[in-house]
Amino acid sequence: MPLGYGLALDTCVPCGMGTYKDSIGNSSCLPCPTNTNSIRGGYSEHCLCNAGYFFTSSTCEVCAQGEYKSFWGNHECIECPDHQSTVQTGSTSLATCACLPGFEPNTNGACSACTEGKYKNLIGSNLCSDCPANSNSPVGSNVIEACTCNVGYTGPDGGLCTACEAGKYNDVSGAQSAESCVDCPLGTVSAAASDAVTDCVCNVGYTGADGAACSECGTGTYKD
């Protein structure tokens, strides 16, 4: 019996796909090793890696996340295009490559970074999402925590940002606690959501420069 043939009902027939036979004789065909397949009538060297697997020194290993292989054979896995990855290992198609966190599909079929004020935290074809109200983020943000409060507002990263109350200001963007809004200097007041110390102006009955402590009007004078 030739190589690649096994005995079935006293007849020599080709080994089926996924099996092989290396010896002449009436022995049965053997299954190919794990994660491999073969053509009909094959012998051991025809047992090649399945799609989604590549050949190492002795075995077929799964393609890593961010790679794919769509054909049968011992070839290397192919990397996804720039700024793309697969969700899992062992991918068998280019179609499984999707935009990385911080990137979204563009009209050219590639992936572009999320613009300022947006974020995307998953691999996929979904678009970037707007940051919560009164917060902003840098280009390419990949977590909602990259959305930090605008100046004049305070709150946790990626959370609800509220305006500094009247008489306070905040000139730093980013994660803040409610106490991060700073009191205006003595004798001054500011509007809600003030973002600079110079928004603190002298109260009625006080005089001085914007953003600095104001002194009371002197005896016999007033300011309304």
C-alpha atoms as a PDB file:
ATOM      1  CA  MET A   1       0.000   0.000   0.000  1.00  0.00           C
ATOM      2  CA  PRO A   2       1.564   3.334  -1.017  1.00  0.00           C
ATOM      3  CA  LEU A   3       2.170   6.328   1.225  1.00  0.00           C
ATOM      4  CA  GLY A   4      -0.971   8.334   1.985  1.00  0.00           C
ATOM      5  CA  TYR A   5      -3.281   5.340   1.536  1.00  0.00           C
ATOM      6  CA  GLY A   6      -5.010   3.242   4.169  1.00  0.00           C
ATOM      7  CA  LEU A   7      -6.934  -0.001   4.141  1.00  0.00           C
ATOM      8  CA  ALA A   8     -10.753   0.116   4.068  1.00  0.00           C
ATOM      9  CA  LEU A   9     -12.835  -2.968   3.289  1.00  0.00           C
ATOM     10  CA  ASP A  10      -9.819  -4.739   1.709  1.00  0.00           C
ATOM     11  CA  THR A  11      -9.246  -1.744  -0.604  1.00  0.00           C
ATOM     12  CA  CYS A  12      -6.552   0.901  -0.511  1.00  0.00           C
ATOM     13  CA  VAL A  13      -8.150   4.363  -0.341  1.00  0.00           C
ATOM     14  CA  PRO A  14      -6.586   7.817   0.144  1.00  0.00           C
ATOM     15  CA  CYS A  15      -6.252   8.994   3.725  1.00  0.00           C
ATOM     16  CA  GLY A  16      -8.994  11.527   4.464  1.00  0.00           C
ATOM     17  CA  MET A  17      -8.397  15.217   5.106  1.00  0.00           C
ATOM     18  CA  GLY A  18      -6.828  15.716   8.516  1.00  0.00           C
ATOM     19  CA  THR A  19      -5.098  12.305   8.463  1.00  0.00           C
ATOM     20  CA  TYR A  20      -1.859  10.924   7.051  1.00  0.00           C
ATOM     21  CA  LYS A  21       0.172   7.727   6.582  1.00  0.00           C
ATOM     22  CA  ASP A  22       3.966   7.654   6.203  1.00  0.00           C
ATOM     23  CA  SER A  23       4.596   3.940   5.761  1.00  0.00           C
ATOM     24  CA  ILE A  24       3.914   1.359   3.073  1.00  0.00           C
ATOM     25  CA  GLY A  25       1.556  -1.310   4.361  1.00  0.00           C
ATOM     26  CA  ASN A  26      -1.984  -1.993   5.449  1.00  0.00           C
ATOM     27  CA  SER A  27      -1.915   0.133   8.605  1.00  0.00           C
ATOM     28  CA  SER A  28      -4.588   2.763   9.225  1.00  0.00           C
ATOM     29  CA  CYS A  29      -4.167   6.468   8.553  1.00  0.00           C
ATOM     30  CA  LEU A  30      -3.271   8.578  11.573  1.00  0.00           C
ATOM     31  CA  PRO A  31      -4.811  11.906  12.638  1.00  0.00           C
ATOM     32  CA  CYS A  32      -2.735  15.013  12.000  1.00  0.00           C
ATOM     33  CA  PRO A  33      -1.302  16.773  15.090  1.00  0.00           C
ATOM     34  CA  THR A  34      -3.375  19.325  16.973  1.00  0.00           C
ATOM     35  CA  ASN A  35      -4.177  22.560  15.071  1.00  0.00           C
ATOM     36  CA  THR A  36      -3.140  21.068  11.712  1.00  0.00           C
ATOM     37  CA  ASN A  37      -4.921  19.660   8.683  1.00  0.00           C
ATOM     38  CA  SER A  38      -3.932  17.797   5.512  1.00  0.00           C
ATOM     39  CA  ILE A  39      -5.071  17.128   1.969  1.00  0.00           C
ATOM     40  CA  ARG A  40      -6.570  13.756   1.029  1.00  0.00           C
ATOM     41  CA  GLY A  41      -3.944  11.099   0.479  1.00  0.00           C
ATOM     42  CA  GLY A  42      -1.347  12.991   2.488  1.00  0.00           C
ATOM     43  CA  TYR A  43       1.563  11.991   4.651  1.00  0.00           C
ATOM     44  CA  SER A  44       2.997  13.703   7.698  1.00  0.00           C
ATOM     45  CA  GLU A  45       4.633  16.637   5.922  1.00  0.00           C
ATOM     46  CA  HIS A  46       1.232  17.496   4.467  1.00  0.00           C
ATOM     47  CA  CYS A  47      -0.151  18.156   7.969  1.00  0.00           C
ATOM     48  CA  LEU A  48       0.105  21.964   7.955  1.00  0.00           C
ATOM     49  CA  CYS A  49      -1.121  24.625  10.382  1.00  0.00           C
ATOM     50  CA  ASN A  50      -4.774  25.606  10.283  1.00  0.00           C
ATOM     51  CA  ALA A  51      -5.888  29.167   9.605  1.00  0.00           C
ATOM     52  CA  GLY A  52      -5.252  31.231  12.741  1.00  0.00           C
ATOM     53  CA  TYR A  53      -2.090  29.218  13.564  1.00  0.00           C
ATOM     54  CA  PHE A  54       1.563  29.411  12.506  1.00  0.00           C
ATOM     55  CA  PHE A  55       4.439  26.946  12.632  1.00  0.00           C
ATOM     56  CA  THR A  56       7.192  27.183  15.227  1.00  0.00           C
ATOM     57  CA  SER A  57      10.092  24.770  15.603  1.00  0.00           C
ATOM     58  CA  SER A  58       7.855  21.748  16.117  1.00  0.00           C
ATOM     59  CA  THR A  59       4.216  22.738  16.646  1.00  0.00           C
ATOM     60  CA  CYS A  60       1.513  25.080  15.394  1.00  0.00           C
ATOM     61  CA  GLU A  61       0.943  28.018  17.729  1.00  0.00           C
ATOM     62  CA  VAL A  62      -2.050  30.339  17.790  1.00  0.00           C
ATOM     63  CA  CYS A  63      -1.736  33.786  16.172  1.00  0.00           C
ATOM     64  CA  ALA A  64      -1.401  36.455  18.850  1.00  0.00           C
ATOM     65  CA  GLN A  65      -3.907  39.239  19.453  1.00  0.00           C
ATOM     66  CA  GLY A  66      -3.347  41.873  16.759  1.00  0.00           C
ATOM     67  CA  GLU A  67      -2.499  39.227  14.120  1.00  0.00           C
ATOM     68  CA  TYR A  68      -4.454  36.970  11.780  1.00  0.00           C
ATOM     69  CA  LYS A  69      -3.886  34.162   9.241  1.00  0.00           C
ATOM     70  CA  SER A  70      -6.661  33.334   6.808  1.00  0.00           C
ATOM     71  CA  PHE A  71      -5.192  30.311   5.030  1.00  0.00           C
ATOM     72  CA  TRP A  72      -3.966  26.772   5.659  1.00  0.00           C
ATOM     73  CA  GLY A  73      -0.182  26.375   5.783  1.00  0.00           C
ATOM     74  CA  ASN A  74       2.889  26.982   7.904  1.00  0.00           C
ATOM     75  CA  HIS A  75       3.209  30.679   7.057  1.00  0.00           C
ATOM     76  CA  GLU A  76       3.667  33.430   9.645  1.00  0.00           C
ATOM     77  CA  CYS A  77       0.671  35.326  10.991  1.00  0.00           C
ATOM     78  CA  ILE A  78       0.026  38.775   9.511  1.00  0.00           C
ATOM     79  CA  GLU A  79      -0.100  41.914  11.656  1.00  0.00           C
ATOM     80  CA  CYS A  80      -3.251  44.038  11.570  1.00  0.00           C
ATOM     81  CA  PRO A  81      -2.929  47.445   9.843  1.00  0.00           C
ATOM     82  CA  ASP A  82      -1.725  50.467  11.814  1.00  0.00           C
ATOM     83  CA  HIS A  83      -3.809  51.376  14.877  1.00  0.00           C
ATOM     84  CA  GLN A  84      -5.830  48.155  14.600  1.00  0.00           C
ATOM     85  CA  SER A  85      -5.964  44.903  16.534  1.00  0.00           C
ATOM     86  CA  THR A  86      -8.060  41.776  16.921  1.00  0.00           C
ATOM     87  CA  VAL A  87     -10.152  41.238  20.011  1.00  0.00           C
ATOM     88  CA  GLN A  88      -8.853  37.711  20.583  1.00  0.00           C
ATOM     89  CA  THR A  89      -6.081  35.314  19.527  1.00  0.00           C
ATOM     90  CA  GLY A  90      -6.335  32.879  16.608  1.00  0.00           C
ATOM     91  CA  SER A  91      -8.052  35.291  14.210  1.00  0.00           C
ATOM     92  CA  THR A  92      -8.558  34.001  10.685  1.00  0.00           C
ATOM     93  CA  SER A  93      -9.510  37.112   8.740  1.00  0.00           C
ATOM     94  CA  LEU A  94      -8.417  40.696   8.109  1.00  0.00           C
ATOM     95  CA  ALA A  95     -12.034  41.622   8.839  1.00  0.00           C
ATOM     96  CA  THR A  96     -11.420  40.795  12.521  1.00  0.00           C
ATOM     97  CA  CYS A  97      -8.943  43.689  12.759  1.00  0.00           C
ATOM     98  CA  ALA A  98     -10.658  46.757  14.223  1.00  0.00           C
ATOM     99  CA  CYS A  99      -9.593  50.174  15.496  1.00  0.00           C
ATOM    100  CA  LEU A 100      -7.695  50.250  18.787  1.00  0.00           C
ATOM    101  CA  PRO A 101      -8.930  52.194  21.823  1.00  0.00           C
ATOM    102  CA  GLY A 102      -8.339  55.896  21.138  1.00  0.00           C
ATOM    103  CA  PHE A 103      -8.943  55.435  17.384  1.00  0.00           C
ATOM    104  CA  GLU A 104     -12.041  55.343  15.174  1.00  0.00           C
ATOM    105  CA  PRO A 105     -12.735  54.353  11.533  1.00  0.00           C
ATOM    106  CA  ASN A 106     -12.277  57.060   8.916  1.00  0.00           C
ATOM    107  CA  THR A 107     -13.576  57.453   5.369  1.00  0.00           C
ATOM    108  CA  ASN A 108     -10.379  55.918   3.930  1.00  0.00           C
ATOM    109  CA  GLY A 109     -10.968  52.594   5.646  1.00  0.00           C
ATOM    110  CA  ALA A 110      -8.146  53.224   8.124  1.00  0.00           C
ATOM    111  CA  CYS A 111      -8.241  54.383  11.756  1.00  0.00           C
ATOM    112  CA  SER A 112      -7.742  57.948  13.001  1.00  0.00           C
ATOM    113  CA  ALA A 113      -7.085  59.169  16.534  1.00  0.00           C
ATOM    114  CA  CYS A 114     -10.023  60.468  18.558  1.00  0.00           C
ATOM    115  CA  THR A 115     -10.078  64.247  18.353  1.00  0.00           C
ATOM    116  CA  GLU A 116      -9.709  66.527  21.370  1.00  0.00           C
ATOM    117  CA  GLY A 117     -12.673  66.252  23.703  1.00  0.00           C
ATOM    118  CA  LYS A 118     -13.478  62.657  22.756  1.00  0.00           C
ATOM    119  CA  TYR A 119     -12.405  59.164  23.858  1.00  0.00           C
ATOM    120  CA  LYS A 120     -12.843  55.468  22.924  1.00  0.00           C
ATOM    121  CA  ASN A 121     -12.001  52.680  25.360  1.00  0.00           C
ATOM    122  CA  LEU A 122     -12.647  49.508  23.307  1.00  0.00           C
ATOM    123  CA  ILE A 123     -11.295  47.725  20.237  1.00  0.00           C
ATOM    124  CA  GLY A 124     -13.963  47.981  17.568  1.00  0.00           C
ATOM    125  CA  SER A 125     -15.554  49.916  14.730  1.00  0.00           C
ATOM    126  CA  ASN A 126     -17.528  52.204  17.022  1.00  0.00           C
ATOM    127  CA  LEU A 127     -16.880  55.938  16.929  1.00  0.00           C
ATOM    128  CA  CYS A 128     -15.246  58.025  19.646  1.00  0.00           C
ATOM    129  CA  SER A 129     -17.582  59.374  22.331  1.00  0.00           C
ATOM    130  CA  ASP A 130     -17.829  62.924  23.632  1.00  0.00           C
ATOM    131  CA  CYS A 131     -16.348  63.658  27.031  1.00  0.00           C
ATOM    132  CA  PRO A 132     -18.861  64.491  29.782  1.00  0.00           C
ATOM    133  CA  ALA A 133     -20.082  68.080  29.917  1.00  0.00           C
ATOM    134  CA  ASN A 134     -17.562  70.730  31.011  1.00  0.00           C
ATOM    135  CA  SER A 135     -14.548  68.427  30.511  1.00  0.00           C
ATOM    136  CA  ASN A 136     -11.968  67.885  27.785  1.00  0.00           C
ATOM    137  CA  SER A 137      -9.403  65.286  26.716  1.00  0.00           C
ATOM    138  CA  PRO A 138      -6.229  65.166  24.574  1.00  0.00           C
ATOM    139  CA  VAL A 139      -6.141  63.696  21.069  1.00  0.00           C
ATOM    140  CA  GLY A 140      -6.171  59.881  21.005  1.00  0.00           C
ATOM    141  CA  SER A 141      -7.697  59.394  24.456  1.00  0.00           C
ATOM    142  CA  ASN A 142      -8.479  55.729  25.164  1.00  0.00           C
ATOM    143  CA  VAL A 143     -10.249  55.935  28.553  1.00  0.00           C
ATOM    144  CA  ILE A 144     -13.025  58.146  29.863  1.00  0.00           C
ATOM    145  CA  GLU A 145     -10.721  59.113  32.738  1.00  0.00           C
ATOM    146  CA  ALA A 146      -8.701  61.112  30.182  1.00  0.00           C
ATOM    147  CA  CYS A 147     -11.625  63.571  30.200  1.00  0.00           C
ATOM    148  CA  THR A 148     -10.684  66.110  32.869  1.00  0.00           C
ATOM    149  CA  CYS A 149     -12.605  69.122  34.123  1.00  0.00           C
ATOM    150  CA  ASN A 150     -12.211  72.415  32.313  1.00  0.00           C
ATOM    151  CA  VAL A 151     -10.883  75.438  34.179  1.00  0.00           C
ATOM    152  CA  GLY A 152     -13.639  76.948  36.272  1.00  0.00           C
ATOM    153  CA  TYR A 153     -15.050  73.501  37.015  1.00  0.00           C
ATOM    154  CA  THR A 154     -14.228  70.737  39.456  1.00  0.00           C
ATOM    155  CA  GLY A 155     -14.894  66.993  39.741  1.00  0.00           C
ATOM    156  CA  PRO A 156     -13.360  63.532  39.222  1.00  0.00           C
ATOM    157  CA  ASP A 157     -11.660  62.351  36.018  1.00  0.00           C
ATOM    158  CA  GLY A 158     -14.301  61.101  33.614  1.00  0.00           C
ATOM    159  CA  GLY A 159     -17.122  62.145  35.932  1.00  0.00           C
ATOM    160  CA  LEU A 160     -19.492  65.028  36.547  1.00  0.00           C
ATOM    161  CA  CYS A 161     -17.763  68.415  36.528  1.00  0.00           C
ATOM    162  CA  THR A 162     -19.564  71.204  38.361  1.00  0.00           C
ATOM    163  CA  ALA A 163     -18.950  74.935  38.211  1.00  0.00           C
ATOM    164  CA  CYS A 164     -17.007  76.648  40.967  1.00  0.00           C
ATOM    165  CA  GLU A 165     -19.533  78.605  43.010  1.00  0.00           C
ATOM    166  CA  ALA A 166     -19.586  82.394  43.120  1.00  0.00           C
ATOM    167  CA  GLY A 167     -16.685  83.785  45.173  1.00  0.00           C
ATOM    168  CA  LYS A 168     -14.333  80.979  44.073  1.00  0.00           C
ATOM    169  CA  TYR A 169     -12.230  80.159  40.995  1.00  0.00           C
ATOM    170  CA  ASN A 170     -10.209  77.307  39.519  1.00  0.00           C
ATOM    171  CA  ASP A 171      -7.473  78.038  36.978  1.00  0.00           C
ATOM    172  CA  VAL A 172      -6.227  74.433  36.613  1.00  0.00           C
ATOM    173  CA  SER A 173      -7.835  71.780  34.398  1.00  0.00           C
ATOM    174  CA  GLY A 174      -7.831  68.159  35.476  1.00  0.00           C
ATOM    175  CA  ALA A 175      -9.045  65.983  38.308  1.00  0.00           C
ATOM    176  CA  GLN A 176     -10.232  68.142  41.153  1.00  0.00           C
ATOM    177  CA  SER A 177     -12.160  67.704  44.359  1.00  0.00           C
ATOM    178  CA  ALA A 178     -14.952  70.077  45.281  1.00  0.00           C
ATOM    179  CA  GLU A 179     -12.492  71.828  47.584  1.00  0.00           C
ATOM    180  CA  SER A 180     -10.158  72.576  44.651  1.00  0.00           C
ATOM    181  CA  CYS A 181     -12.087  75.705  43.768  1.00  0.00           C
ATOM    182  CA  VAL A 182     -10.101  78.423  45.503  1.00  0.00           C
ATOM    183  CA  ASP A 183     -11.594  81.255  47.546  1.00  0.00           C
ATOM    184  CA  CYS A 184     -11.201  84.692  46.040  1.00  0.00           C
ATOM    185  CA  PRO A 185      -8.901  87.099  47.920  1.00  0.00           C
ATOM    186  CA  LEU A 186     -10.291  89.065  50.848  1.00  0.00           C
ATOM    187  CA  GLY A 187     -12.895  91.654  49.915  1.00  0.00           C
ATOM    188  CA  THR A 188     -13.479  90.271  46.387  1.00  0.00           C
ATOM    189  CA  VAL A 189     -16.171  88.221  44.656  1.00  0.00           C
ATOM    190  CA  SER A 190     -16.426  86.287  41.393  1.00  0.00           C
ATOM    191  CA  ALA A 191     -19.134  84.797  39.191  1.00  0.00           C
ATOM    192  CA  ALA A 192     -19.772  81.041  39.133  1.00  0.00           C
ATOM    193  CA  ALA A 193     -17.397  78.999  36.907  1.00  0.00           C
ATOM    194  CA  SER A 194     -14.612  81.597  37.197  1.00  0.00           C
ATOM    195  CA  ASP A 195     -11.332  80.322  35.764  1.00  0.00           C
ATOM    196  CA  ALA A 196      -8.773  82.922  36.876  1.00  0.00           C
ATOM    197  CA  VAL A 197      -7.935  84.867  40.020  1.00  0.00           C
ATOM    198  CA  THR A 198      -8.432  88.076  38.034  1.00  0.00           C
ATOM    199  CA  ASP A 199     -12.131  87.173  37.828  1.00  0.00           C
ATOM    200  CA  CYS A 200     -12.198  88.061  41.522  1.00  0.00           C
ATOM    201  CA  VAL A 201     -13.128  91.747  41.652  1.00  0.00           C
ATOM    202  CA  CYS A 202     -13.622  94.069  44.585  1.00  0.00           C
ATOM    203  CA  ASN A 203     -16.916  93.728  46.372  1.00  0.00           C
ATOM    204  CA  VAL A 204     -19.183  96.686  47.047  1.00  0.00           C
ATOM    205  CA  GLY A 205     -17.585  98.877  49.681  1.00  0.00           C
ATOM    206  CA  TYR A 206     -14.090  97.683  48.768  1.00  0.00           C
ATOM    207  CA  THR A 207     -11.452  98.934  46.357  1.00  0.00           C
ATOM    208  CA  GLY A 208      -8.269  97.560  44.768  1.00  0.00           C
ATOM    209  CA  ALA A 209      -6.892  95.675  41.773  1.00  0.00           C
ATOM    210  CA  ASP A 210      -8.641  92.673  40.182  1.00  0.00           C
ATOM    211  CA  GLY A 211      -7.341  89.412  41.590  1.00  0.00           C
ATOM    212  CA  ALA A 212      -5.838  90.920  44.720  1.00  0.00           C
ATOM    213  CA  ALA A 213      -7.132  91.608  48.218  1.00  0.00           C
ATOM    214  CA  CYS A 214      -9.323  94.704  48.314  1.00  0.00           C
ATOM    215  CA  SER A 215      -9.457  97.194  51.158  1.00  0.00           C
ATOM    216  CA  GLU A 216     -12.525  98.850  52.630  1.00  0.00           C
ATOM    217  CA  CYS A 217     -13.458 102.284  51.429  1.00  0.00           C
ATOM    218  CA  GLY A 218     -12.178 104.924  53.794  1.00  0.00           C
ATOM    219  CA  THR A 219     -14.258 107.038  56.187  1.00  0.00           C
ATOM    220  CA  GLY A 220     -16.470 109.432  54.244  1.00  0.00           C
ATOM    221  CA  THR A 221     -16.249 107.438  50.977  1.00  0.00           C
ATOM    222  CA  TYR A 222     -18.346 104.707  49.435  1.00  0.00           C
ATOM    223  CA  LYS A 223     -18.492 102.338  46.443  1.00  0.00           C
ATOM    224  CA  ASP A 224     -21.754 100.767  45.329  1.00  0.00           C
END
